[in-house]
Amino acid sequence: MTQDPVCGMKIEEAQAFATVQHQGVTYHFCSAKCQQTFQANPAKYAKAPSAQKPR
């Protein structure tokens, strides 16, 4: 399970509406609106690389 970085909704990665790669990190989104919001200003929503959890 992961969290949409824009709205905070918890979603299953396989059920994500869309995914976006940003600075080597994959982000999952619940909707087109959240994906577009992220892509318009990724610095606002992207996690700092040191804050990423290893998988």
N, C-alpha and C. Protein backbone atom coordinates (compact mmCIF):
# COMPACT_ATOMS: atom_id res chain seq x y z
N MET A 1 0.86 -1.18 0.00
CA MET A 1 0.00 0.00 0.00
C MET A 1 0.90 1.24 0.00
N THR A 2 0.44 2.25 -0.68
CA THR A 2 1.18 3.51 -0.78
C THR A 2 0.21 4.67 -0.58
N GLN A 3 0.73 5.85 -0.59
CA GLN A 3 -0.10 7.04 -0.35
C GLN A 3 0.05 8.02 -1.51
N ASP A 4 -1.07 8.51 -2.00
CA ASP A 4 -1.07 9.54 -3.04
C ASP A 4 -0.43 10.79 -2.41
N PRO A 5 0.64 11.33 -3.02
CA PRO A 5 1.33 12.46 -2.40
C PRO A 5 0.53 13.76 -2.42
N VAL A 6 -0.50 13.84 -3.23
CA VAL A 6 -1.27 15.08 -3.34
C VAL A 6 -2.41 15.10 -2.32
N CYS A 7 -3.26 14.08 -2.35
CA CYS A 7 -4.44 14.09 -1.48
C CYS A 7 -4.27 13.25 -0.21
N GLY A 8 -3.25 12.39 -0.19
CA GLY A 8 -3.00 11.58 0.99
C GLY A 8 -3.78 10.27 1.04
N MET A 9 -4.58 9.99 0.02
CA MET A 9 -5.36 8.76 0.01
C MET A 9 -4.43 7.55 -0.06
N LYS A 10 -4.73 6.53 0.73
CA LYS A 10 -3.96 5.29 0.67
C LYS A 10 -4.53 4.43 -0.46
N ILE A 11 -3.64 3.94 -1.31
CA ILE A 11 -4.06 3.13 -2.46
C ILE A 11 -3.10 1.96 -2.65
N GLU A 12 -3.62 0.89 -3.22
CA GLU A 12 -2.78 -0.23 -3.61
C GLU A 12 -2.01 0.18 -4.86
N GLU A 13 -0.73 -0.08 -4.89
CA GLU A 13 0.08 0.33 -6.03
C GLU A 13 -0.47 -0.22 -7.33
N ALA A 14 -0.92 -1.47 -7.32
CA ALA A 14 -1.45 -2.09 -8.54
C ALA A 14 -2.78 -1.47 -8.98
N GLN A 15 -3.47 -0.78 -8.08
CA GLN A 15 -4.76 -0.17 -8.38
C GLN A 15 -4.65 1.33 -8.66
N ALA A 16 -3.45 1.86 -8.66
CA ALA A 16 -3.27 3.30 -8.87
C ALA A 16 -3.78 3.72 -10.24
N PHE A 17 -4.40 4.88 -10.29
CA PHE A 17 -4.87 5.43 -11.56
C PHE A 17 -3.68 5.70 -12.49
N ALA A 18 -2.61 6.24 -11.91
CA ALA A 18 -1.42 6.58 -12.71
C ALA A 18 -0.19 6.55 -11.82
N THR A 19 0.96 6.45 -12.46
CA THR A 19 2.23 6.55 -11.75
C THR A 19 3.10 7.55 -12.49
N VAL A 20 3.96 8.22 -11.74
CA VAL A 20 4.88 9.20 -12.32
C VAL A 20 6.25 8.98 -11.68
N GLN A 21 7.29 9.01 -12.50
CA GLN A 21 8.66 8.96 -12.01
C GLN A 21 9.15 10.40 -11.83
N HIS A 22 9.72 10.68 -10.67
CA HIS A 22 10.28 12.01 -10.42
C HIS A 22 11.55 11.83 -9.60
N GLN A 23 12.66 12.25 -10.14
CA GLN A 23 13.97 12.14 -9.48
C GLN A 23 14.22 10.72 -8.98
N GLY A 24 13.90 9.74 -9.82
CA GLY A 24 14.18 8.35 -9.49
C GLY A 24 13.20 7.69 -8.55
N VAL A 25 12.13 8.37 -8.19
CA VAL A 25 11.13 7.83 -7.28
C VAL A 25 9.81 7.69 -8.04
N THR A 26 9.11 6.58 -7.82
CA THR A 26 7.81 6.37 -8.44
C THR A 26 6.72 6.82 -7.48
N TYR A 27 5.84 7.67 -7.97
CA TYR A 27 4.70 8.15 -7.20
C TYR A 27 3.43 7.58 -7.81
N HIS A 28 2.49 7.20 -6.96
CA HIS A 28 1.23 6.61 -7.39
C HIS A 28 0.08 7.57 -7.06
N PHE A 29 -0.90 7.62 -7.97
CA PHE A 29 -1.99 8.58 -7.82
C PHE A 29 -3.35 7.91 -7.92
N CYS A 30 -4.30 8.44 -7.17
CA CYS A 30 -5.66 7.89 -7.14
C CYS A 30 -6.51 8.40 -8.29
N SER A 31 -6.12 9.52 -8.90
CA SER A 31 -6.94 10.12 -9.95
C SER A 31 -6.10 10.97 -10.89
N ALA A 32 -6.71 11.31 -12.03
CA ALA A 32 -6.04 12.19 -13.00
C ALA A 32 -5.79 13.56 -12.39
N LYS A 33 -6.72 14.03 -11.58
CA LYS A 33 -6.57 15.36 -10.96
C LYS A 33 -5.32 15.40 -10.07
N CYS A 34 -5.13 14.37 -9.25
CA CYS A 34 -3.95 14.34 -8.38
C CYS A 34 -2.67 14.22 -9.19
N GLN A 35 -2.69 13.41 -10.24
CA GLN A 35 -1.53 13.28 -11.10
C GLN A 35 -1.18 14.62 -11.73
N GLN A 36 -2.16 15.32 -12.26
CA GLN A 36 -1.92 16.61 -12.91
C GLN A 36 -1.44 17.66 -11.92
N THR A 37 -2.00 17.64 -10.72
CA THR A 37 -1.57 18.59 -9.68
C THR A 37 -0.11 18.37 -9.34
N PHE A 38 0.28 17.10 -9.18
CA PHE A 38 1.67 16.77 -8.89
C PHE A 38 2.59 17.23 -10.02
N GLN A 39 2.21 16.91 -11.25
CA GLN A 39 3.07 17.25 -12.39
C GLN A 39 3.20 18.76 -12.60
N ALA A 40 2.22 19.53 -12.16
CA ALA A 40 2.30 20.98 -12.28
C ALA A 40 3.30 21.57 -11.30
N ASN A 41 3.54 20.90 -10.16
CA ASN A 41 4.46 21.41 -9.15
C ASN A 41 5.02 20.25 -8.33
N PRO A 42 5.85 19.40 -8.92
CA PRO A 42 6.33 18.22 -8.20
C PRO A 42 7.14 18.55 -6.95
N ALA A 43 7.85 19.66 -6.94
CA ALA A 43 8.66 20.01 -5.77
C ALA A 43 7.79 20.19 -4.52
N LYS A 44 6.55 20.59 -4.71
CA LYS A 44 5.64 20.80 -3.58
C LYS A 44 5.22 19.48 -2.94
N TYR A 45 5.14 18.42 -3.73
CA TYR A 45 4.58 17.15 -3.25
C TYR A 45 5.60 16.02 -3.13
N ALA A 46 6.73 16.13 -3.80
CA ALA A 46 7.73 15.06 -3.78
C ALA A 46 8.40 14.98 -2.41
N LYS A 47 8.69 13.76 -2.01
CA LYS A 47 9.41 13.55 -0.76
C LYS A 47 10.89 13.78 -1.00
N ALA A 48 11.57 14.24 0.02
CA ALA A 48 13.02 14.39 -0.06
C ALA A 48 13.62 13.00 -0.22
N PRO A 49 14.66 12.83 -1.03
CA PRO A 49 15.23 11.49 -1.23
C PRO A 49 15.58 10.77 0.06
N SER A 50 16.05 11.47 1.07
CA SER A 50 16.41 10.82 2.33
C SER A 50 15.18 10.35 3.11
N ALA A 51 14.01 10.85 2.76
CA ALA A 51 12.78 10.46 3.46
C ALA A 51 12.15 9.21 2.85
N GLN A 52 12.67 8.74 1.73
CA GLN A 52 12.11 7.58 1.06
C GLN A 52 12.40 6.31 1.86
N LYS A 53 11.43 5.43 1.90
CA LYS A 53 11.59 4.14 2.55
C LYS A 53 12.15 3.16 1.53
N PRO A 54 13.11 2.35 1.92
CA PRO A 54 13.60 1.34 0.98
C PRO A 54 12.55 0.28 0.74
N ARG A 55 12.57 -0.28 -0.46
CA ARG A 55 11.59 -1.33 -0.80
C ARG A 55 12.28 -2.63 -1.00
